[in-house]
Amino acid sequence: MSSSFDKVKSTLPYLGVGLGLRREVAAETFEAGHVIDFLEVIPEQYLCKGGDTRERLNKARASMPLVVHGLNLSLGGASPLDQEYITRLKTFVQFTDAPWFSDHVAFASLGDLYLHELLPVPFCKETIEHMSRRIKMVKEQIEKPFLIENTTYYMSMPGSDMTEPQFLTELLEEADCGLLLDVNNVYVNSVNHGFDPFLFLDQLPLERVVQIHMAGHLAKEDIVLDTHGAPIADPVFDLLRYVLSKATVCGITLERDQNLPPFDEILAELSAIKIITAEAKQAKTSLELEKRP
């Protein structure tokens, strides 16, 4: 389905394969700038902070392209949007010169209380209407292309009467924004809720995917947890290959937030993602050549 976002996406740069900037490995990250294409920064870690934190952000900005991935918009929350936060976020996005910014399909606050969790929303028409209004407000105020990210959830919220792909598709169309597709989240949810992750992807408007997140998880006996604290699993790499066979994206980010391994292991995962990306590009080129008369 054609949308005004099609034109927006066509203007966005291709950034490549990047890494989420984390304080614990910042020095190694900057040293490896020749093999890391871009960095993803979390604004909440830098807003209203100085000292070493600000110095790290300044160095990141001078080193390579940045994208901004927020946690506190609480797009699914019932309380009014935090205008003070949005004002600071706009300044931050402008400072980083990020080509786009993103947040989650979730609620993260109750009134003035930030929960420091990304909690699920009911998959229903009322949520779509509510969230699309808030997304449009954020887009208008920050004046940059905006992406929403699919999240993990461990229970179905009361009031849900749609599947997640139906919900995401209608929300993306109504809000006319882009998708930050977290492939690991798709896999985690598919195991926990018993659906086919490839069919799930087929039901999404993949033409709206601008960025992809890759991460690891923890598999227990009766549940899979999205931890960002383990190597990427082979089934998640398989889903990445599948997405790239069907969609053109502007950037892929590796997220690692805990249980940080030797940095060489992080670089090895980045390299694996780059190889898959190159293979997908070559396959598309070969297919296009075969179609030529």
Protein backbone atom coordinates (compact mmCIF):
# COMPACT_ATOMS: atom_id res chain seq x y z
CA MET A 1 0.00 0.00 0.00
CA SER A 2 1.43 3.35 -1.04
CA SER A 3 1.83 5.96 1.68
CA SER A 4 3.53 9.25 2.32
CA PHE A 5 6.14 7.27 4.27
CA ASP A 6 7.32 5.65 1.04
CA LYS A 7 8.74 9.00 -0.03
CA VAL A 8 10.22 9.61 3.42
CA LYS A 9 12.01 6.26 3.40
CA SER A 10 13.43 6.90 -0.06
CA THR A 11 15.29 9.95 1.31
CA LEU A 12 16.92 8.11 4.22
CA PRO A 13 20.59 7.15 4.03
CA TYR A 14 21.87 3.59 4.08
CA LEU A 15 23.91 3.34 7.26
CA GLY A 16 24.96 -0.33 7.23
CA VAL A 17 25.52 -2.47 10.32
CA GLY A 18 25.88 -0.71 13.64
CA LEU A 19 26.13 -1.25 17.36
CA GLY A 20 24.26 0.04 20.37
CA LEU A 21 26.65 2.32 22.26
CA ARG A 22 27.19 1.04 25.81
CA ARG A 23 29.32 2.75 28.44
CA GLU A 24 31.12 -0.44 29.47
CA VAL A 25 32.60 -1.00 26.01
CA ALA A 26 32.69 2.57 24.72
CA ALA A 27 36.49 2.67 24.45
CA GLU A 28 36.61 -0.56 22.43
CA THR A 29 33.70 0.67 20.32
CA PHE A 30 35.51 3.85 19.30
CA GLU A 31 38.69 1.92 18.59
CA ALA A 32 36.73 -0.34 16.23
CA GLY A 33 35.13 2.55 14.38
CA HIS A 34 36.59 1.32 11.09
CA VAL A 35 34.34 -1.78 11.19
CA ILE A 36 31.27 -0.31 12.90
CA ASP A 37 29.13 1.63 10.44
CA PHE A 38 27.01 3.60 12.91
CA LEU A 39 26.01 3.78 16.56
CA GLU A 40 22.61 3.69 18.19
CA VAL A 41 22.28 5.85 21.30
CA ILE A 42 19.62 5.82 24.01
CA PRO A 43 18.69 9.45 24.79
CA GLU A 44 17.68 8.73 28.39
CA GLN A 45 21.31 7.87 29.14
CA TYR A 46 22.47 11.34 28.07
CA LEU A 47 19.70 13.89 28.63
CA CYS A 48 20.65 16.58 31.16
CA LYS A 49 23.99 14.91 31.90
CA GLY A 50 27.51 16.25 31.64
CA GLY A 51 31.00 15.09 32.51
CA ASP A 52 32.19 11.77 31.13
CA THR A 53 28.71 10.95 29.85
CA ARG A 54 28.54 14.06 27.70
CA GLU A 55 32.11 13.56 26.57
CA ARG A 56 31.22 10.04 25.40
CA LEU A 57 28.28 11.38 23.40
CA ASN A 58 30.43 14.10 21.83
CA LYS A 59 33.03 11.52 20.83
CA ALA A 60 30.36 9.27 19.36
CA ARG A 61 28.94 12.16 17.37
CA ALA A 62 32.37 12.98 15.99
CA SER A 63 33.20 9.35 15.20
CA MET A 64 30.34 8.01 13.10
CA PRO A 65 26.66 8.45 12.21
CA LEU A 66 24.17 8.12 15.08
CA VAL A 67 20.56 7.02 15.35
CA VAL A 68 18.40 7.67 18.41
CA HIS A 69 16.39 4.93 20.12
CA GLY A 70 14.23 6.11 23.01
CA LEU A 71 12.56 4.35 25.93
CA ASN A 72 10.28 6.87 27.60
CA LEU A 73 7.73 8.19 25.11
CA SER A 74 5.20 5.69 26.50
CA LEU A 75 3.21 5.76 23.29
CA GLY A 76 0.67 3.31 24.66
CA GLY A 77 0.27 5.03 28.01
CA ALA A 78 -2.94 6.62 29.23
CA SER A 79 -1.30 9.75 30.67
CA PRO A 80 -0.69 12.76 28.41
CA LEU A 81 2.60 12.78 26.54
CA ASP A 82 5.43 14.30 28.56
CA GLN A 83 5.99 17.56 26.72
CA GLU A 84 9.12 18.43 28.68
CA TYR A 85 10.66 15.11 27.69
CA ILE A 86 9.66 15.58 24.04
CA THR A 87 11.27 19.04 24.00
CA ARG A 88 14.52 17.61 25.36
CA LEU A 89 14.29 14.68 22.96
CA LYS A 90 13.92 17.03 20.00
CA THR A 91 17.05 18.92 21.04
CA PHE A 92 18.90 15.62 21.43
CA VAL A 93 17.84 14.33 18.00
CA GLN A 94 18.92 17.60 16.42
CA PHE A 95 22.27 17.53 18.23
CA THR A 96 23.07 13.99 17.10
CA ASP A 97 21.99 14.78 13.53
CA ALA A 98 20.22 11.42 13.50
CA PRO A 99 18.42 10.65 10.22
CA TRP A 100 15.57 9.04 12.19
CA PHE A 101 14.57 8.23 15.77
CA SER A 102 12.52 5.46 17.33
CA ASP A 103 10.63 4.20 20.36
CA HIS A 104 8.49 1.20 21.30
CA VAL A 105 4.95 -0.10 20.90
CA ALA A 106 4.45 -0.13 24.66
CA PHE A 107 3.60 1.94 27.68
CA ALA A 108 6.38 2.87 30.06
CA SER A 109 4.89 5.31 32.57
CA LEU A 110 1.97 5.96 34.88
CA GLY A 111 1.48 9.67 35.33
CA ASP A 112 4.84 11.10 36.37
CA LEU A 113 6.18 7.67 37.34
CA TYR A 114 8.49 6.02 34.80
CA LEU A 115 8.34 2.26 35.18
CA HIS A 116 11.69 1.43 33.54
CA GLU A 117 9.88 -1.38 31.74
CA LEU A 118 8.30 -1.68 28.30
CA LEU A 119 4.86 -3.09 29.03
CA PRO A 120 2.51 -4.50 26.37
CA VAL A 121 -0.64 -2.86 25.05
CA PRO A 122 -3.95 -4.45 24.02
CA PHE A 123 -4.02 -5.32 20.32
CA CYS A 124 -7.29 -3.61 19.41
CA LYS A 125 -8.77 -0.70 17.41
CA GLU A 126 -8.97 1.56 20.45
CA THR A 127 -5.23 1.22 21.05
CA ILE A 128 -4.52 1.95 17.39
CA GLU A 129 -6.56 5.15 17.53
CA HIS A 130 -4.92 6.21 20.79
CA MET A 131 -1.35 5.43 19.76
CA SER A 132 -1.63 6.80 16.23
CA ARG A 133 -2.72 10.19 17.61
CA ARG A 134 0.27 10.24 19.93
CA ILE A 135 2.69 9.11 17.22
CA LYS A 136 1.46 11.89 14.92
CA MET A 137 1.97 14.43 17.69
CA VAL A 138 5.54 13.21 18.27
CA LYS A 139 6.33 13.30 14.54
CA GLU A 140 5.01 16.84 14.20
CA GLN A 141 6.97 18.12 17.18
CA ILE A 142 10.34 16.49 16.53
CA GLU A 143 10.22 16.81 12.74
CA LYS A 144 12.26 13.73 11.93
CA PRO A 145 11.24 10.36 10.49
CA PHE A 146 9.90 8.20 13.32
CA LEU A 147 9.98 4.41 13.73
CA ILE A 148 8.09 2.21 16.17
CA GLU A 149 9.54 -1.08 17.44
CA ASN A 150 7.71 -4.33 18.06
CA THR A 151 8.33 -5.58 21.59
CA THR A 152 8.27 -8.83 23.51
CA TYR A 153 5.29 -9.67 25.70
CA TYR A 154 4.75 -12.56 28.06
CA MET A 155 0.97 -12.45 28.32
CA SER A 156 -1.86 -11.31 26.06
CA MET A 157 -3.32 -8.08 27.35
CA PRO A 158 -7.04 -8.04 28.21
CA GLY A 159 -9.06 -6.44 25.43
CA SER A 160 -6.91 -7.78 22.60
CA ASP A 161 -9.03 -8.89 19.65
CA MET A 162 -6.43 -8.67 16.86
CA THR A 163 -3.25 -10.55 16.06
CA GLU A 164 0.01 -8.67 16.52
CA PRO A 165 0.66 -8.46 12.74
CA GLN A 166 -2.85 -7.09 12.17
CA PHE A 167 -2.35 -4.58 14.96
CA LEU A 168 1.09 -3.44 13.81
CA THR A 169 0.00 -3.15 10.18
CA GLU A 170 -3.00 -0.97 10.98
CA LEU A 171 -1.02 1.13 13.47
CA LEU A 172 1.77 1.77 10.96
CA GLU A 173 -0.72 2.74 8.28
CA GLU A 174 -2.83 4.96 10.52
CA ALA A 175 0.20 6.74 12.02
CA ASP A 176 2.10 6.61 8.69
CA CYS A 177 5.44 5.93 10.30
CA GLY A 178 8.26 3.43 9.87
CA LEU A 179 8.99 0.12 11.54
CA LEU A 180 12.03 -0.77 13.57
CA LEU A 181 11.76 -4.54 13.28
CA ASP A 182 13.29 -6.40 16.21
CA VAL A 183 13.88 -9.85 14.74
CA ASN A 184 14.82 -11.39 18.09
CA ASN A 185 11.55 -10.14 19.58
CA VAL A 186 9.64 -11.87 16.78
CA TYR A 187 11.44 -15.12 17.55
CA VAL A 188 10.98 -14.86 21.33
CA ASN A 189 7.27 -14.18 20.97
CA SER A 190 6.87 -16.98 18.44
CA VAL A 191 8.25 -19.53 20.91
CA ASN A 192 6.35 -18.21 23.91
CA HIS A 193 3.02 -17.84 22.12
CA GLY A 194 3.28 -20.68 19.61
CA PHE A 195 3.17 -19.03 16.19
CA ASP A 196 5.20 -19.33 12.99
CA PRO A 197 7.69 -16.40 12.91
CA PHE A 198 8.05 -16.58 9.11
CA LEU A 199 4.29 -16.33 8.63
CA PHE A 200 4.31 -13.46 11.12
CA LEU A 201 6.84 -11.61 8.96
CA ASP A 202 4.82 -12.31 5.82
CA GLN A 203 1.87 -10.53 7.42
CA LEU A 204 3.79 -7.32 8.16
CA PRO A 205 4.21 -4.36 5.77
CA LEU A 206 7.94 -5.00 5.37
CA GLU A 207 8.25 -2.06 2.99
CA ARG A 208 7.99 0.13 6.11
CA VAL A 209 11.04 -1.45 7.79
CA VAL A 210 13.82 1.12 8.07
CA GLN A 211 15.94 -0.46 10.77
CA ILE A 212 16.40 -3.93 12.25
CA HIS A 213 17.45 -4.92 15.76
CA MET A 214 19.43 -8.10 16.39
CA ALA A 215 20.00 -9.46 19.89
CA GLY A 216 20.29 -12.57 22.02
CA HIS A 217 17.88 -14.22 24.44
CA LEU A 218 17.77 -16.71 27.29
CA ALA A 219 15.89 -19.97 26.69
CA LYS A 220 14.55 -21.66 29.81
CA GLU A 221 12.48 -24.83 30.10
CA ASP A 222 9.09 -23.16 29.75
CA ILE A 223 9.83 -19.65 28.45
CA VAL A 224 12.23 -17.60 26.36
CA LEU A 225 13.37 -14.26 27.78
CA ASP A 226 14.52 -11.28 25.75
CA THR A 227 17.69 -10.38 27.63
CA HIS A 228 20.12 -8.73 25.17
CA GLY A 229 22.67 -10.70 27.17
CA ALA A 230 23.60 -13.64 24.97
CA PRO A 231 24.90 -14.36 21.47
CA ILE A 232 22.42 -14.20 18.61
CA ALA A 233 20.77 -17.60 18.12
CA ASP A 234 20.83 -19.35 14.74
CA PRO A 235 17.01 -19.15 14.29
CA VAL A 236 17.25 -15.36 14.67
CA PHE A 237 19.92 -15.22 11.96
CA ASP A 238 17.55 -17.28 9.77
CA LEU A 239 14.78 -14.73 10.31
CA LEU A 240 17.18 -11.92 9.39
CA ARG A 241 17.98 -13.68 6.11
CA TYR A 242 14.27 -14.02 5.43
CA VAL A 243 13.53 -10.35 6.09
CA LEU A 244 16.43 -9.17 3.92
CA SER A 245 15.21 -11.36 1.06
CA LYS A 246 11.96 -9.40 1.09
CA ALA A 247 12.76 -5.90 2.36
CA THR A 248 15.25 -3.10 1.81
CA VAL A 249 16.48 -1.63 5.09
CA CYS A 250 18.67 1.32 5.98
CA GLY A 251 20.45 -0.09 9.02
CA ILE A 252 20.84 -3.13 11.25
CA THR A 253 21.83 -2.73 14.90
CA LEU A 254 23.35 -5.29 17.24
CA GLU A 255 22.13 -4.81 20.82
CA ARG A 256 24.12 -6.21 23.73
CA ASP A 257 23.23 -4.80 27.14
CA GLN A 258 24.50 -7.30 29.72
CA ASN A 259 26.81 -10.27 30.17
CA LEU A 260 29.16 -8.41 27.86
CA PRO A 261 31.67 -10.79 26.26
CA PRO A 262 35.19 -9.97 25.04
CA PHE A 263 34.75 -7.28 22.42
CA ASP A 264 36.10 -9.56 19.70
CA GLU A 265 32.95 -11.66 20.10
CA ILE A 266 30.77 -8.60 19.55
CA LEU A 267 32.78 -7.75 16.44
CA ALA A 268 32.37 -11.33 15.22
CA GLU A 269 28.58 -11.00 15.47
CA LEU A 270 28.72 -7.71 13.58
CA SER A 271 30.77 -9.46 10.90
CA ALA A 272 28.21 -12.29 10.68
CA ILE A 273 25.42 -9.75 10.17
CA LYS A 274 27.45 -7.99 7.48
CA ILE A 275 28.01 -11.27 5.64
CA ILE A 276 24.27 -12.03 5.67
CA THR A 277 23.54 -8.49 4.48
CA ALA A 278 26.02 -8.80 1.60
CA GLU A 279 24.62 -12.19 0.61
CA ALA A 280 21.08 -10.82 0.55
CA LYS A 281 22.15 -7.88 -1.59
CA GLN A 282 23.95 -10.19 -4.02
CA ALA A 283 20.92 -12.47 -4.27
CA LYS A 284 18.66 -9.53 -5.08
CA THR A 285 21.11 -8.26 -7.71
CA SER A 286 21.27 -11.70 -9.34
CA LEU A 287 17.47 -11.94 -9.37
CA GLU A 288 17.14 -8.53 -11.00
CA LEU A 289 19.65 -9.52 -13.68
CA GLU A 290 17.71 -12.71 -14.39
CA LYS A 291 14.51 -10.70 -14.90
CA ARG A 292 16.07 -8.40 -17.51
CA PRO A 293 15.13 -9.21 -21.11
